[in-house]
Protein backbone atom coordinates (compact mmCIF):
# COMPACT_ATOMS: atom_id res chain seq x y z
CA MET A 1 -17.22 -14.98 3.52
CA ILE A 2 -15.40 -15.96 0.30
CA GLY A 3 -12.78 -18.66 0.38
CA GLY A 4 -12.26 -18.12 4.08
CA PHE A 5 -11.79 -14.35 3.75
CA PRO A 6 -14.38 -12.19 5.58
CA ALA A 7 -13.71 -9.35 3.14
CA VAL A 8 -16.75 -9.21 0.88
CA THR A 9 -18.37 -6.20 2.53
CA SER A 10 -15.17 -4.19 2.75
CA LEU A 11 -14.18 -5.19 -0.78
CA GLN A 12 -17.52 -4.11 -2.20
CA ARG A 13 -17.39 -0.81 -0.32
CA CYS A 14 -13.82 -0.20 -1.44
CA VAL A 15 -14.46 -0.98 -5.09
CA THR A 16 -17.66 1.06 -5.26
CA GLY A 17 -15.91 4.01 -3.67
CA LEU A 18 -13.00 3.79 -6.07
CA LEU A 19 -15.23 3.66 -9.12
CA LEU A 20 -17.52 6.47 -8.05
CA CYS A 21 -14.96 8.73 -6.40
CA GLY A 22 -12.19 8.58 -8.95
CA LEU A 23 -10.50 5.26 -9.65
CA ALA A 24 -10.14 6.39 -13.22
CA SER A 25 -9.95 10.14 -12.70
CA GLY A 26 -6.51 10.10 -11.11
CA TRP A 27 -4.96 8.68 -14.23
CA THR A 28 -7.32 9.68 -17.04
CA HIS A 29 -6.87 13.38 -16.43
CA SER A 30 -3.14 13.04 -16.98
CA ALA A 31 -3.53 10.55 -19.80
CA GLY A 32 -5.97 12.69 -21.73
CA GLY A 33 -9.00 10.46 -21.39
CA ALA A 34 -12.38 10.91 -19.78
CA ALA A 35 -13.27 8.94 -16.67
CA GLU A 36 -16.46 6.91 -17.02
CA SER A 37 -17.80 4.76 -14.19
CA GLU A 38 -20.73 3.48 -16.28
CA ASN A 39 -23.32 4.10 -13.55
CA GLY A 40 -20.90 2.99 -10.87
CA ARG A 41 -20.13 -0.34 -12.53
CA LEU A 42 -16.76 -1.67 -13.54
CA THR A 43 -16.21 -2.26 -17.26
CA ILE A 44 -13.49 -4.72 -18.24
CA ALA A 45 -11.94 -3.90 -21.61
CA ARG A 46 -10.57 -6.46 -24.05
CA MET A 47 -7.61 -5.43 -26.18
CA LYS A 48 -8.02 -5.73 -29.94
CA TYR A 49 -4.63 -5.93 -31.62
CA ASP A 50 -3.09 -6.54 -35.04
CA GLY A 51 -0.55 -9.14 -36.11
CA GLY A 52 -2.80 -12.11 -36.75
CA GLY A 53 -3.41 -13.32 -33.21
CA ASP A 54 -6.96 -14.18 -32.20
CA TRP A 55 -7.59 -11.39 -29.70
CA TYR A 56 -11.32 -12.26 -29.86
CA ASN A 57 -10.88 -15.80 -28.48
CA ASP A 58 -13.65 -16.98 -26.09
CA PRO A 59 -15.82 -13.83 -26.37
CA GLU A 60 -18.06 -15.06 -23.56
CA ALA A 61 -15.18 -15.19 -21.06
CA ILE A 62 -15.40 -11.60 -19.78
CA PRO A 63 -19.22 -11.55 -19.47
CA ASN A 64 -19.06 -14.82 -17.51
CA LEU A 65 -16.36 -13.47 -15.23
CA ALA A 66 -18.38 -10.28 -14.74
CA ARG A 67 -21.32 -12.34 -13.46
CA GLU A 68 -19.10 -14.14 -10.98
CA LEU A 69 -17.61 -10.84 -9.78
CA GLN A 70 -21.11 -9.62 -8.98
CA LEU A 71 -22.35 -12.84 -7.40
CA ARG A 72 -19.31 -13.71 -5.32
CA ALA A 73 -17.58 -10.44 -4.51
CA GLY A 74 -20.30 -7.83 -4.88
CA ILE A 75 -18.26 -6.00 -7.52
CA GLU A 76 -20.86 -4.39 -9.78
CA THR A 77 -19.59 -5.13 -13.27
CA ASN A 78 -21.04 -4.50 -16.72
CA LEU A 79 -21.73 -7.83 -18.39
CA ASP A 80 -20.77 -6.58 -21.84
CA GLN A 81 -17.04 -6.38 -22.39
CA ARG A 82 -15.64 -3.26 -24.00
CA VAL A 83 -13.45 -4.01 -27.03
CA VAL A 84 -10.75 -1.38 -27.47
CA THR A 85 -7.64 -0.80 -29.49
CA LEU A 86 -4.68 0.88 -27.88
CA THR A 87 -5.50 4.12 -29.68
CA ASP A 88 -9.15 4.28 -28.59
CA ASP A 89 -10.06 7.08 -26.19
CA GLN A 90 -12.19 4.59 -24.27
CA LEU A 91 -9.03 2.77 -23.22
CA PHE A 92 -8.58 5.41 -20.54
CA SER A 93 -12.08 4.85 -19.19
CA SER A 94 -11.38 1.22 -18.31
CA PRO A 95 -9.20 0.59 -15.25
CA VAL A 96 -8.71 -3.08 -16.20
CA LEU A 97 -7.54 -4.23 -19.64
CA PHE A 98 -7.49 -7.89 -20.71
CA MET A 99 -5.76 -9.57 -23.61
CA THR A 100 -5.31 -13.14 -24.80
CA GLY A 101 -4.56 -15.08 -27.96
CA HIS A 102 -2.67 -17.92 -29.58
CA GLY A 103 -0.28 -16.12 -31.91
CA GLU A 104 1.30 -12.95 -33.18
CA VAL A 105 0.92 -9.54 -31.53
CA LYS A 106 2.10 -6.33 -33.17
CA TRP A 107 1.68 -2.82 -31.83
CA THR A 108 2.39 0.41 -33.70
CA GLY A 109 4.42 3.25 -32.26
CA PRO A 110 1.31 5.20 -31.16
CA GLU A 111 -0.14 2.05 -29.60
CA ILE A 112 3.04 1.42 -27.64
CA ARG A 113 3.11 5.00 -26.36
CA ASN A 114 -0.57 4.86 -25.43
CA LEU A 115 -0.22 1.58 -23.56
CA ARG A 116 2.69 2.96 -21.59
CA LYS A 117 0.66 6.08 -20.78
CA TYR A 118 -2.28 3.92 -19.72
CA LEU A 119 -0.18 1.72 -17.44
CA THR A 120 1.88 4.52 -15.89
CA HIS A 121 -1.26 6.50 -15.08
CA GLY A 122 -3.04 3.80 -13.09
CA GLY A 123 -4.28 1.28 -15.65
CA PHE A 124 -3.79 -2.46 -15.21
CA LEU A 125 -3.25 -5.10 -17.89
CA TYR A 126 -3.97 -8.79 -17.39
CA ALA A 127 -2.53 -10.87 -20.24
CA ASP A 128 -3.22 -14.59 -20.52
CA ASP A 129 -1.22 -16.65 -23.01
CA ASP A 130 -3.68 -18.99 -24.67
CA TYR A 131 -0.74 -20.98 -26.07
CA GLY A 132 1.49 -19.33 -28.65
CA MET A 133 1.37 -15.66 -27.63
CA ASP A 134 4.41 -15.65 -25.33
CA ARG A 135 7.21 -14.69 -27.71
CA ALA A 136 5.30 -11.90 -29.43
CA PHE A 137 3.83 -10.51 -26.23
CA ARG A 138 7.18 -10.32 -24.45
CA ARG A 139 8.75 -8.68 -27.51
CA GLU A 140 6.05 -6.00 -27.71
CA MET A 141 6.02 -5.34 -23.96
CA LYS A 142 9.78 -4.75 -24.13
CA LYS A 143 8.99 -1.84 -26.44
CA VAL A 144 6.57 -0.44 -23.86
CA PHE A 145 9.03 -0.73 -20.96
CA PRO A 146 12.54 -1.09 -22.46
CA ASP A 147 14.22 -0.97 -19.04
CA GLN A 148 11.94 -3.48 -17.35
CA GLU A 149 11.90 -7.27 -17.29
CA PHE A 150 9.10 -9.61 -16.37
CA VAL A 151 9.64 -11.16 -12.96
CA GLU A 152 7.88 -14.22 -11.64
CA LEU A 153 5.68 -13.21 -8.73
CA PRO A 154 6.29 -15.07 -5.46
CA PHE A 155 3.45 -17.26 -4.28
CA THR A 156 3.11 -14.94 -1.29
CA HIS A 157 2.08 -12.03 -3.53
CA PRO A 158 -1.35 -10.57 -2.60
CA ILE A 159 -2.79 -11.38 -6.03
CA TYR A 160 -2.80 -15.03 -4.94
CA HIS A 161 -4.50 -14.38 -1.60
CA ILE A 162 -6.62 -11.23 -1.81
CA ILE A 163 -9.90 -13.18 -1.71
CA TYR A 164 -9.18 -16.80 -2.57
CA ASP A 165 -6.02 -18.64 -1.56
CA PHE A 166 -3.64 -19.91 -4.23
CA PRO A 167 -0.63 -21.03 -2.17
CA ALA A 168 1.11 -22.49 -5.24
CA GLY A 169 0.49 -19.56 -7.57
CA PRO A 170 -1.76 -19.54 -10.65
CA PRO A 171 -3.74 -22.70 -11.40
CA LYS A 172 -2.93 -24.96 -14.32
CA HIS A 173 -5.99 -24.88 -16.56
CA HIS A 174 -4.81 -26.44 -19.83
CA GLU A 175 -1.76 -28.64 -20.30
CA HIS A 176 -0.19 -26.96 -23.36
CA ASP A 177 3.48 -28.02 -23.13
CA GLY A 178 3.13 -29.62 -19.71
CA LYS A 179 5.22 -26.91 -18.05
CA PRO A 180 4.27 -25.58 -14.62
CA PRO A 181 1.96 -22.54 -14.62
CA GLN A 182 3.67 -19.23 -13.98
CA GLY A 183 2.54 -15.73 -13.15
CA PHE A 184 4.79 -12.85 -14.16
CA GLY A 185 4.64 -9.16 -13.41
CA LEU A 186 5.92 -5.84 -14.71
CA PHE A 187 6.27 -3.03 -12.19
CA HIS A 188 6.28 0.75 -12.53
CA ASP A 189 7.32 2.85 -9.53
CA GLY A 190 6.83 -0.20 -7.33
CA ARG A 191 3.30 -0.84 -8.59
CA LEU A 192 2.30 -3.99 -10.46
CA VAL A 193 0.95 -2.75 -13.80
CA VAL A 194 0.98 -5.96 -15.86
CA TYR A 195 0.13 -9.46 -14.67
CA TYR A 196 0.88 -12.19 -17.17
CA THR A 197 -0.02 -15.88 -16.89
CA TYR A 198 1.95 -18.44 -18.88
CA GLU A 199 1.22 -22.17 -19.19
CA SER A 200 -1.85 -21.50 -17.05
CA ASN A 201 -4.55 -20.21 -19.42
CA VAL A 202 -6.91 -19.10 -16.65
CA SER A 203 -9.23 -17.23 -19.00
CA ASP A 204 -10.18 -20.39 -20.89
CA GLY A 205 -11.93 -21.44 -17.69
CA TRP A 206 -14.20 -18.39 -17.90
CA ALA A 207 -15.62 -19.56 -21.22
CA ASP A 208 -18.92 -21.41 -21.40
CA GLU A 209 -18.74 -24.96 -20.12
CA LYS A 210 -19.44 -26.41 -23.57
CA THR A 211 -16.63 -24.42 -25.21
CA HIS A 212 -13.76 -26.49 -23.81
CA ASN A 213 -15.66 -29.23 -21.95
CA ASP A 214 -13.74 -28.43 -18.78
CA PRO A 215 -14.86 -30.10 -15.56
CA PRO A 216 -16.58 -27.90 -12.95
CA ALA A 217 -13.59 -28.05 -10.58
CA LYS A 218 -11.28 -26.55 -13.20
CA ARG A 219 -13.72 -23.80 -14.09
CA GLU A 220 -14.11 -23.04 -10.39
CA THR A 221 -10.37 -22.46 -9.88
CA ALA A 222 -10.30 -20.30 -13.01
CA PHE A 223 -13.11 -18.08 -11.77
CA ARG A 224 -11.51 -17.81 -8.34
CA MET A 225 -8.21 -16.71 -9.86
CA GLY A 226 -10.01 -14.26 -12.13
CA ILE A 227 -11.81 -12.69 -9.17
CA ASN A 228 -8.49 -12.34 -7.37
CA ILE A 229 -6.91 -10.63 -10.38
CA ILE A 230 -9.71 -8.09 -10.80
CA ALA A 231 -9.98 -7.39 -7.07
CA TYR A 232 -6.25 -6.82 -6.84
CA ALA A 233 -6.27 -4.57 -9.90
CA LEU A 234 -9.00 -2.39 -8.40
CA TYR A 235 -7.44 -1.62 -5.09
CA ARG A 236 -3.77 -2.37 -5.28
């Protein structure tokens, strides 16, 4: 039982089945990529982008989250993150894409088209503003989905309850401007394809303890939210 939810066994069975039986195949065939389950294990990809923002921030964050996914939820996950650009073929072999940073983000025309293809064919993007990425990220995402707007997800959304309970939405990890943490979404055909945390900075809590000197309680809430995000992305 995790966080009061007796769903570990069913979650593990569901995720394993999706990865082995075609989580990626349903969208990679249409998107022109090749499905790769990496021996039945999930691989989380990190987006490398141009513009000057530090896409590489906290490189240990994804490996640390991967360990927690295995230990707590039974989601077999490769410990090495996959670094991809939006024009890499391997983008379409990773059902979950992560990005973060403190500054500018700029995508080329081909990158914008590829990201839209990725998201509309089953891929999921989790973006975490590490303080300073908000303006550029929103501007670039508007190029990907010109007719869509980010909407703040209600606290009742499954992403906040799928394994661990977050009745007040995403946790506040770092203070930044002292604003309340917010979780936004972009939808395509009724499906959440982008989850974006602002003034929350969950992914900083996945870094090594010595990196930010965060107390254990803060790191715990960050890992719990991260597990919820990945679990939701895999079988939404």
